[in-house]
């Protein structure tokens, strides 16, 4: 089993992560089984995922993300904001940063109100699965499903079924259930790798915003507001034959820190 681990716990809109400072590579030997154990809410720290901050030759840091099942994952938007705040607390930058993740370069700013604005990777336009479902990759694969009453929807049951539908995505997908209310998006997400509903999903919020605007369900492409179980997020972007200048804005907070000995 692992030796002593100095860990930090952060969350972004209720999407929570174990944060490790791995600039000295002391945690690089952690296995997927060990990472999964650390993310277990009953027997260890508990989290939706684990993030390692590592050195980068081209940016202030590199963000390495693992799902709670221990597998190294694709980009995580809420995790990205937490990584930015963690790196800021490690004195790696002051107010603005450029960092790298599995999907390439990202920029981020710490805003005066405590929110973090994160630039996401460009995306292709959404692709219809049927009249109520659209798929898009916003750093992670997503399916966006529009429903009439998202609060009472069986997200876990239907989300799990669609998550494993290989005809939609051979490798599986995250599934977002959305309802448009007063030009805002109410959203609930079933996350791949967590294999459950999470309180918020950053890349899912981006995906749902893009699809909603693409279909004309949302009037604006700037400061689109999303209501998640964990709080409010905002998304802005530009669209032509692709989607670019995508920004995800929301909270990130340090919850506690500790040691496993």
Protein backbone atom coordinates (compact mmCIF):
# COMPACT_ATOMS: atom_id res chain seq x y z
CA UNK A 1 0.00 0.00 0.00
CA UNK A 2 1.08 3.63 -0.38
CA UNK A 3 3.33 5.50 2.00
CA UNK A 4 2.36 8.79 3.65
CA UNK A 5 0.18 10.99 1.47
CA UNK A 6 -0.29 14.71 2.06
CA UNK A 7 -3.62 15.51 0.44
CA UNK A 8 -5.94 18.46 -0.04
CA UNK A 9 -9.68 18.35 -0.65
CA UNK A 10 -11.28 20.87 -3.03
CA UNK A 11 -14.66 21.18 -4.69
CA UNK A 12 -16.12 23.11 -7.60
CA UNK A 13 -19.92 23.45 -7.32
CA UNK A 14 -20.02 20.29 -5.23
CA UNK A 15 -17.92 18.26 -7.67
CA UNK A 16 -15.17 17.22 -5.22
CA UNK A 17 -11.57 16.18 -5.74
CA UNK A 18 -8.53 14.93 -3.87
CA UNK A 19 -5.60 17.19 -4.81
CA UNK A 20 -1.98 16.02 -4.71
CA UNK A 21 1.15 18.11 -5.28
CA UNK A 22 3.12 15.72 -7.49
CA UNK A 23 5.81 18.11 -8.71
CA UNK A 24 8.44 15.86 -7.10
CA UNK A 25 6.79 12.74 -8.59
CA UNK A 26 6.31 11.20 -5.15
CA UNK A 27 2.79 10.03 -6.04
CA UNK A 28 3.45 8.84 -9.59
CA UNK A 29 3.54 5.19 -8.52
CA UNK A 30 -0.03 5.24 -7.19
CA UNK A 31 -1.99 2.47 -8.88
CA UNK A 32 -5.53 2.76 -10.21
CA UNK A 33 -6.65 0.48 -7.36
CA UNK A 34 -5.07 2.80 -4.78
CA UNK A 35 -6.57 5.90 -6.40
CA UNK A 36 -9.99 4.25 -6.45
CA UNK A 37 -9.57 3.41 -2.76
CA UNK A 38 -8.67 7.01 -1.88
CA UNK A 39 -11.84 8.19 -3.66
CA UNK A 40 -14.04 5.74 -1.74
CA UNK A 41 -16.42 7.70 0.48
CA UNK A 42 -16.86 4.91 3.03
CA UNK A 43 -13.32 3.61 3.60
CA UNK A 44 -11.03 6.53 2.68
CA UNK A 45 -11.15 10.26 1.86
CA UNK A 46 -13.94 10.17 -0.70
CA UNK A 47 -14.16 12.18 -3.93
CA UNK A 48 -15.49 12.28 -7.49
CA UNK A 49 -11.89 12.21 -8.73
CA UNK A 50 -8.22 12.77 -7.96
CA UNK A 51 -6.00 15.47 -9.47
CA UNK A 52 -2.22 15.64 -9.47
CA UNK A 53 -0.43 18.94 -10.08
CA UNK A 54 2.81 18.26 -11.95
CA UNK A 55 5.58 20.30 -13.57
CA UNK A 56 5.13 21.52 -17.14
CA UNK A 57 7.79 22.64 -19.62
CA UNK A 58 5.40 25.04 -21.33
CA UNK A 59 3.00 26.27 -18.65
CA UNK A 60 2.75 26.98 -14.94
CA UNK A 61 1.73 23.38 -14.27
CA UNK A 62 0.26 20.18 -15.71
CA UNK A 63 -3.10 18.89 -14.47
CA UNK A 64 -3.36 15.10 -14.36
CA UNK A 65 -6.89 13.87 -13.71
CA UNK A 66 -8.16 10.47 -12.53
CA UNK A 67 -11.78 9.34 -12.27
CA UNK A 68 -12.97 7.86 -8.99
CA UNK A 69 -12.67 4.37 -10.51
CA UNK A 70 -8.89 4.96 -10.66
CA UNK A 71 -8.63 5.30 -14.43
CA UNK A 72 -6.84 8.32 -15.87
CA UNK A 73 -9.55 10.50 -17.33
CA UNK A 74 -10.24 13.12 -19.95
CA UNK A 75 -10.60 16.84 -19.18
CA UNK A 76 -12.70 17.85 -16.18
CA UNK A 77 -14.00 21.43 -16.07
CA UNK A 78 -14.83 21.68 -12.38
CA UNK A 79 -11.60 19.84 -11.62
CA UNK A 80 -9.77 22.33 -13.81
CA UNK A 81 -10.97 25.24 -11.69
CA UNK A 82 -9.97 23.36 -8.53
CA UNK A 83 -6.55 22.68 -10.05
CA UNK A 84 -6.17 26.39 -10.79
CA UNK A 85 -6.98 27.37 -7.20
CA UNK A 86 -4.72 24.63 -5.82
CA UNK A 87 -1.83 25.79 -8.03
CA UNK A 88 -2.47 29.38 -6.95
CA UNK A 89 -2.31 28.30 -3.30
CA UNK A 90 0.98 26.54 -4.10
CA UNK A 91 2.29 29.96 -5.30
CA UNK A 92 2.69 28.78 -8.91
CA UNK A 93 1.08 31.96 -10.30
CA UNK A 94 -0.62 35.17 -9.15
CA UNK A 95 -3.92 36.02 -10.88
CA UNK A 96 -3.72 34.45 -14.36
CA UNK A 97 -2.26 31.16 -15.51
CA UNK A 98 -1.52 29.01 -18.52
CA UNK A 99 -1.47 25.29 -17.83
CA UNK A 100 -1.76 22.02 -19.70
CA UNK A 101 -4.01 18.99 -19.35
CA UNK A 102 -4.66 15.87 -21.40
CA UNK A 103 -6.55 17.89 -24.03
CA UNK A 104 -3.89 20.60 -24.39
CA UNK A 105 -3.44 24.20 -23.27
CA UNK A 106 -5.79 26.05 -20.94
CA UNK A 107 -5.83 29.58 -19.58
CA UNK A 108 -7.56 30.72 -16.41
CA UNK A 109 -8.14 33.85 -14.35
CA UNK A 110 -8.97 34.36 -10.69
CA UNK A 111 -11.78 36.93 -10.67
CA UNK A 112 -12.37 39.59 -8.02
CA UNK A 113 -15.57 37.90 -6.78
CA UNK A 114 -13.71 34.66 -6.04
CA UNK A 115 -14.94 32.88 -9.15
CA UNK A 116 -12.53 31.25 -11.61
CA UNK A 117 -12.84 31.67 -15.38
CA UNK A 118 -11.37 28.72 -17.27
CA UNK A 119 -10.76 28.61 -21.02
CA UNK A 120 -11.77 25.25 -22.44
CA UNK A 121 -10.65 23.49 -25.61
CA UNK A 122 -12.38 24.28 -28.91
CA UNK A 123 -15.16 21.92 -29.94
CA UNK A 124 -16.83 20.73 -33.11
CA UNK A 125 -20.54 21.41 -33.60
CA UNK A 126 -23.07 19.08 -31.93
CA UNK A 127 -24.26 15.97 -33.75
CA UNK A 128 -27.86 14.76 -33.51
CA UNK A 129 -28.54 11.26 -32.19
CA UNK A 130 -32.30 11.89 -32.40
CA UNK A 131 -34.57 14.90 -31.93
CA UNK A 132 -34.02 15.00 -28.15
CA UNK A 133 -30.40 13.78 -27.90
CA UNK A 134 -27.20 15.37 -29.17
CA UNK A 135 -23.58 14.36 -28.72
CA UNK A 136 -20.52 16.59 -28.50
CA UNK A 137 -16.98 16.37 -27.15
CA UNK A 138 -15.96 19.31 -24.94
CA UNK A 139 -12.73 17.76 -23.66
CA UNK A 140 -14.76 14.72 -22.58
CA UNK A 141 -17.50 12.93 -24.54
CA UNK A 142 -21.02 14.06 -23.69
CA UNK A 143 -24.60 13.23 -24.55
CA UNK A 144 -27.14 16.02 -23.99
CA UNK A 145 -30.74 14.92 -23.42
CA UNK A 146 -33.67 17.35 -23.10
CA UNK A 147 -36.42 16.36 -20.66
CA UNK A 148 -39.63 18.01 -19.39
CA UNK A 149 -39.00 17.73 -15.65
CA UNK A 150 -35.33 17.31 -14.79
CA UNK A 151 -35.86 17.48 -11.02
CA UNK A 152 -37.97 14.32 -10.97
CA UNK A 153 -36.09 12.48 -13.72
CA UNK A 154 -34.50 9.10 -12.96
CA UNK A 155 -30.98 10.25 -13.80
CA UNK A 156 -29.22 7.24 -12.32
CA UNK A 157 -31.27 4.60 -14.15
CA UNK A 158 -31.51 6.27 -17.57
CA UNK A 159 -28.05 7.80 -17.29
CA UNK A 160 -26.42 4.45 -16.69
CA UNK A 161 -28.25 2.93 -19.66
CA UNK A 162 -27.20 5.69 -22.07
CA UNK A 163 -23.67 5.90 -20.65
CA UNK A 164 -22.98 2.35 -21.87
CA UNK A 165 -24.73 2.70 -25.26
CA UNK A 166 -21.82 1.90 -27.59
CA UNK A 167 -23.86 2.94 -30.64
CA UNK A 168 -23.66 6.52 -29.37
CA UNK A 169 -20.04 6.43 -28.15
CA UNK A 170 -18.03 3.18 -28.44
CA UNK A 171 -15.98 4.14 -25.37
CA UNK A 172 -19.00 5.26 -23.36
CA UNK A 173 -20.11 8.78 -22.50
CA UNK A 174 -21.20 11.23 -19.83
CA UNK A 175 -24.94 11.94 -19.94
CA UNK A 176 -26.53 15.34 -19.23
CA UNK A 177 -30.26 15.79 -18.65
CA UNK A 178 -31.42 19.36 -19.29
CA UNK A 179 -34.53 21.49 -18.94
CA UNK A 180 -34.72 25.10 -20.17
CA UNK A 181 -36.46 27.39 -17.66
CA UNK A 182 -36.54 31.21 -18.06
CA UNK A 183 -33.59 31.15 -20.48
CA UNK A 184 -31.48 29.19 -17.98
CA UNK A 185 -30.48 25.54 -18.07
CA UNK A 186 -31.35 23.21 -15.23
CA UNK A 187 -28.93 20.31 -15.53
CA UNK A 188 -28.18 16.97 -13.90
CA UNK A 189 -25.31 14.75 -15.04
CA UNK A 190 -24.47 11.06 -14.86
CA UNK A 191 -20.67 10.90 -15.06
CA UNK A 192 -18.61 8.21 -16.70
CA UNK A 193 -15.86 6.97 -14.38
CA UNK A 194 -17.78 8.07 -11.31
CA UNK A 195 -20.67 5.84 -12.47
CA UNK A 196 -23.22 7.96 -10.66
CA UNK A 197 -24.83 11.38 -10.68
CA UNK A 198 -22.52 14.17 -9.52
CA UNK A 199 -23.55 17.52 -8.07
CA UNK A 200 -22.12 19.31 -11.11
CA UNK A 201 -20.12 18.62 -14.26
CA UNK A 202 -18.10 21.38 -15.92
CA UNK A 203 -17.55 19.87 -19.37
CA UNK A 204 -21.17 18.69 -19.26
CA UNK A 205 -22.34 22.23 -18.55
CA UNK A 206 -20.30 23.46 -21.51
CA UNK A 207 -21.74 20.72 -23.73
CA UNK A 208 -25.30 21.48 -22.67
CA UNK A 209 -24.85 25.22 -23.23
CA UNK A 210 -23.48 24.71 -26.74
CA UNK A 211 -26.25 22.30 -27.74
CA UNK A 212 -28.97 24.55 -26.27
CA UNK A 213 -27.71 27.58 -28.21
CA UNK A 214 -27.14 25.52 -31.37
CA UNK A 215 -30.82 24.47 -31.29
CA UNK A 216 -32.08 27.98 -30.50
CA UNK A 217 -33.35 26.98 -27.07
CA UNK A 218 -31.13 29.60 -25.41
CA UNK A 219 -31.05 33.10 -26.89
CA UNK A 220 -27.49 34.16 -26.04
CA UNK A 221 -24.06 32.58 -26.32
CA UNK A 222 -22.51 34.70 -23.56
CA UNK A 223 -22.95 34.16 -19.83
CA UNK A 224 -25.35 31.24 -20.18
CA UNK A 225 -26.42 30.33 -16.65
CA UNK A 226 -26.71 26.72 -15.54
CA UNK A 227 -28.32 25.54 -12.32
CA UNK A 228 -26.70 22.38 -10.98
CA UNK A 229 -27.35 20.58 -7.71
CA UNK A 230 -24.05 22.01 -6.46
CA UNK A 231 -24.54 25.62 -7.51
CA UNK A 232 -24.53 27.95 -10.49
CA UNK A 233 -22.08 27.87 -13.40
CA UNK A 234 -21.77 30.20 -16.39
CA UNK A 235 -20.62 29.42 -19.94
CA UNK A 236 -19.65 31.72 -22.82
CA UNK A 237 -18.42 30.87 -26.33
CA UNK A 238 -18.38 31.85 -30.00
CA UNK A 239 -19.70 29.64 -32.79
CA UNK A 240 -19.11 29.43 -36.54
CA UNK A 241 -18.24 26.12 -38.23
CA UNK A 242 -16.86 25.13 -34.83
CA UNK A 243 -17.15 26.31 -31.23
CA UNK A 244 -14.26 28.39 -29.90
CA UNK A 245 -13.29 30.86 -27.16
CA UNK A 246 -15.19 28.67 -24.69
CA UNK A 247 -15.11 29.86 -21.07
CA UNK A 248 -16.47 28.10 -17.99
CA UNK A 249 -16.88 30.30 -14.91
CA UNK A 250 -17.73 29.07 -11.44
CA UNK A 251 -16.55 28.58 -7.87
CA UNK A 252 -13.70 26.52 -6.48
CA UNK A 253 -13.04 26.09 -2.78
CA UNK A 254 -10.55 24.36 -0.53
CA UNK A 255 -12.42 22.21 1.99
CA UNK A 256 -9.68 20.68 4.14
CA UNK A 257 -6.25 19.03 4.08
CA UNK A 258 -4.77 16.04 5.83
CA UNK A 259 -2.35 13.12 5.84
CA UNK A 260 -2.70 9.41 5.29
CA UNK A 261 0.07 7.63 7.22
